[in-house]
Protein backbone atom coordinates (compact mmCIF):
# COMPACT_ATOMS: atom_id res chain seq x y z
CA MET A 1 -10.86 -3.90 -9.45
CA PHE A 2 -7.28 -4.63 -8.28
CA ARG A 3 -4.39 -5.27 -10.67
CA LYS A 4 -0.60 -5.26 -10.64
CA ILE A 5 1.17 -2.28 -12.14
CA SER A 6 2.70 -2.63 -15.61
CA LEU A 7 5.19 -0.73 -17.78
CA LYS A 8 2.36 1.24 -19.42
CA ASP A 9 1.45 2.67 -15.98
CA LYS A 10 4.62 4.74 -15.49
CA SER A 11 2.96 8.18 -15.70
CA LEU A 12 0.03 6.92 -13.63
CA TYR A 13 2.44 5.64 -10.97
CA PHE A 14 4.22 9.02 -10.80
CA GLU A 15 0.88 10.82 -10.57
CA MET A 16 -0.42 8.60 -7.77
CA VAL A 17 2.80 8.67 -5.72
CA LYS A 18 2.96 12.47 -5.96
CA GLU A 19 -0.69 12.70 -4.85
CA PHE A 20 0.07 10.38 -1.94
CA TYR A 21 3.05 12.42 -0.76
CA ASN A 22 1.16 15.70 -1.19
CA SER A 23 -1.86 14.51 0.79
CA PRO A 24 -2.47 15.90 4.29
CA ALA A 25 -2.06 12.42 5.80
CA VAL A 26 1.63 12.23 4.79
CA LEU A 27 4.07 14.39 6.68
CA HIS A 28 7.11 14.23 4.37
CA THR A 29 7.97 14.35 0.66
CA ILE A 30 10.28 12.34 -1.58
CA PRO A 31 12.31 13.36 -4.64
CA ASP A 32 11.30 12.34 -8.17
CA SER A 33 14.46 10.23 -8.38
CA TYR A 34 13.09 7.99 -5.60
CA ILE A 35 9.82 7.53 -7.51
CA GLU A 36 11.77 6.70 -10.69
CA ASN A 37 13.96 4.17 -8.88
CA THR A 38 10.97 2.48 -7.25
CA PHE A 39 9.16 2.21 -10.59
CA ASN A 40 12.27 0.68 -12.17
CA GLU A 41 12.46 -1.85 -9.31
CA LEU A 42 8.81 -2.74 -9.89
CA MET A 43 9.41 -3.30 -13.61
CA ARG A 44 12.30 -5.67 -12.94
CA CYS A 45 9.63 -8.04 -11.59
CA ASP A 46 11.53 -8.35 -8.36
CA GLU A 47 9.78 -10.86 -6.13
CA TYR A 48 10.19 -8.51 -3.18
CA LEU A 49 8.12 -5.56 -4.44
CA ASP A 50 4.65 -5.14 -5.95
CA CYS A 51 2.35 -2.25 -6.71
CA ILE A 52 -1.40 -2.78 -6.91
CA ILE A 53 -3.64 -0.31 -8.76
CA PHE A 54 -7.30 0.08 -7.69
CA GLN A 55 -9.76 0.69 -10.54
CA ASN A 56 -13.53 0.86 -10.86
CA ASP A 57 -15.65 -0.71 -13.64
CA THR A 58 -14.89 2.17 -16.01
CA GLU A 59 -11.13 1.73 -15.34
CA GLU A 60 -10.91 5.01 -13.46
CA VAL A 61 -8.01 4.79 -11.02
CA MET A 62 -9.14 5.03 -7.40
CA GLY A 63 -5.81 4.48 -5.63
CA TYR A 64 -2.80 2.23 -5.23
CA ALA A 65 -0.76 0.23 -2.73
CA LEU A 66 2.98 -0.36 -2.72
CA LEU A 67 3.94 -3.68 -1.13
CA VAL A 68 7.38 -4.73 0.04
CA LYS A 69 7.78 -8.47 0.64
CA THR A 70 10.53 -9.90 2.84
CA PHE A 71 11.36 -13.05 4.75
CA THR A 72 12.39 -12.74 8.38
CA GLN A 73 13.49 -15.28 10.94
CA GLU A 74 11.76 -13.16 13.61
CA ALA A 75 8.35 -13.65 11.99
CA GLY A 76 9.19 -17.19 10.94
CA GLY A 77 8.18 -16.57 7.34
CA ASN A 78 7.13 -13.99 4.80
CA VAL A 79 6.28 -10.46 5.81
CA ILE A 80 4.24 -8.10 3.63
CA TRP A 81 4.91 -4.44 4.35
CA LEU A 82 2.21 -2.09 3.06
CA ASP A 83 4.59 0.80 2.45
CA GLU A 84 2.23 3.19 0.63
CA PHE A 85 -1.56 2.89 0.66
CA TYR A 86 -3.50 5.66 -1.05
CA ILE A 87 -7.15 6.03 -1.96
CA ARG A 88 -8.17 9.15 -3.83
CA GLU A 89 -10.38 11.51 -1.83
CA LYS A 90 -13.64 10.89 -3.72
CA TYR A 91 -13.36 7.11 -3.17
CA ARG A 92 -12.68 7.18 0.56
CA SER A 93 -15.21 5.93 3.10
CA LYS A 94 -16.82 3.66 0.48
CA GLY A 95 -15.32 0.37 1.70
CA LEU A 96 -12.42 0.27 -0.77
CA GLY A 97 -9.80 0.13 2.00
CA GLY A 98 -11.49 -2.89 3.55
CA GLU A 99 -11.86 -4.56 0.15
CA PHE A 100 -8.15 -4.08 -0.47
CA LEU A 101 -7.12 -5.51 2.92
CA THR A 102 -9.26 -8.59 2.18
CA TYR A 103 -7.64 -8.85 -1.29
CA LEU A 104 -4.19 -8.48 0.29
CA ASN A 105 -4.75 -11.36 2.72
CA LYS A 106 -6.18 -13.62 0.00
CA ASN A 107 -3.63 -12.91 -2.77
CA PHE A 108 -0.43 -12.21 -0.83
CA PRO A 109 -0.23 -14.84 1.91
CA ALA A 110 2.24 -13.97 4.63
CA LYS A 111 3.15 -14.85 8.18
CA ARG A 112 2.90 -11.17 9.12
CA TYR A 113 1.48 -8.02 7.56
CA ARG A 114 2.89 -4.62 8.53
CA LEU A 115 1.22 -1.31 7.77
CA GLU A 116 2.64 2.14 8.35
CA VAL A 117 0.37 5.07 9.07
CA GLU A 118 1.05 8.75 9.73
CA PRO A 119 0.34 9.84 13.33
CA ASP A 120 -2.70 11.97 12.49
CA ASN A 121 -4.41 9.52 10.09
CA VAL A 122 -7.21 8.47 12.46
CA LYS A 123 -9.38 6.85 9.77
CA ALA A 124 -6.57 4.56 8.60
CA LYS A 125 -5.81 3.51 12.17
CA ALA A 126 -9.48 2.67 12.77
CA LEU A 127 -9.65 0.64 9.53
CA TYR A 128 -6.55 -1.38 10.41
CA LYS A 129 -7.82 -2.11 13.91
CA ARG A 130 -11.17 -3.34 12.47
CA PHE A 131 -9.20 -5.81 10.34
CA GLY A 132 -7.31 -7.21 13.31
CA TYR A 133 -4.06 -5.25 13.10
CA GLN A 134 -2.40 -4.33 16.39
CA PRO A 135 -0.46 -1.09 16.90
CA LEU A 136 3.34 -1.17 17.08
CA ALA A 137 5.75 1.64 17.86
CA TYR A 138 6.37 4.40 15.32
CA GLU A 139 2.80 4.36 13.98
CA GLN A 140 2.99 0.87 12.55
CA PHE A 141 0.44 -1.91 12.76
CA VAL A 142 1.02 -5.64 12.56
CA LYS A 143 -1.19 -8.68 11.98
CA GLU A 144 -0.06 -12.25 12.50
CA SER A 145 -1.62 -14.91 10.28
């Protein structure tokens, strides 16, 4: 159901990122050059960046998550930043967000997880709180391991 992005997913990545930035939950846009640069970073297999694709049994794409991984002295270890987290409309409210957060904790161990959410995305905020994340300033949530 969850897999890392690969070179063959370039057009899919562009499609999903554009959907994410055109969704009502996101209040700003980004240029295509930013999407291209991010994809190129992902394909360099940089240990600091991952993109996870969500698929169902018939390999239909349900969403994606862009992860930025860093190490900070402040946290005393690795930090996973969930930079973009998008589930397509028809797959929302079916438990996929919770399944992904469980997958994230199991497969990307970190000292701290940080999630960013737009101010009016009430459902995302409620989901994060159910999974133990605490609100920070600027519409971010954090969870210590």
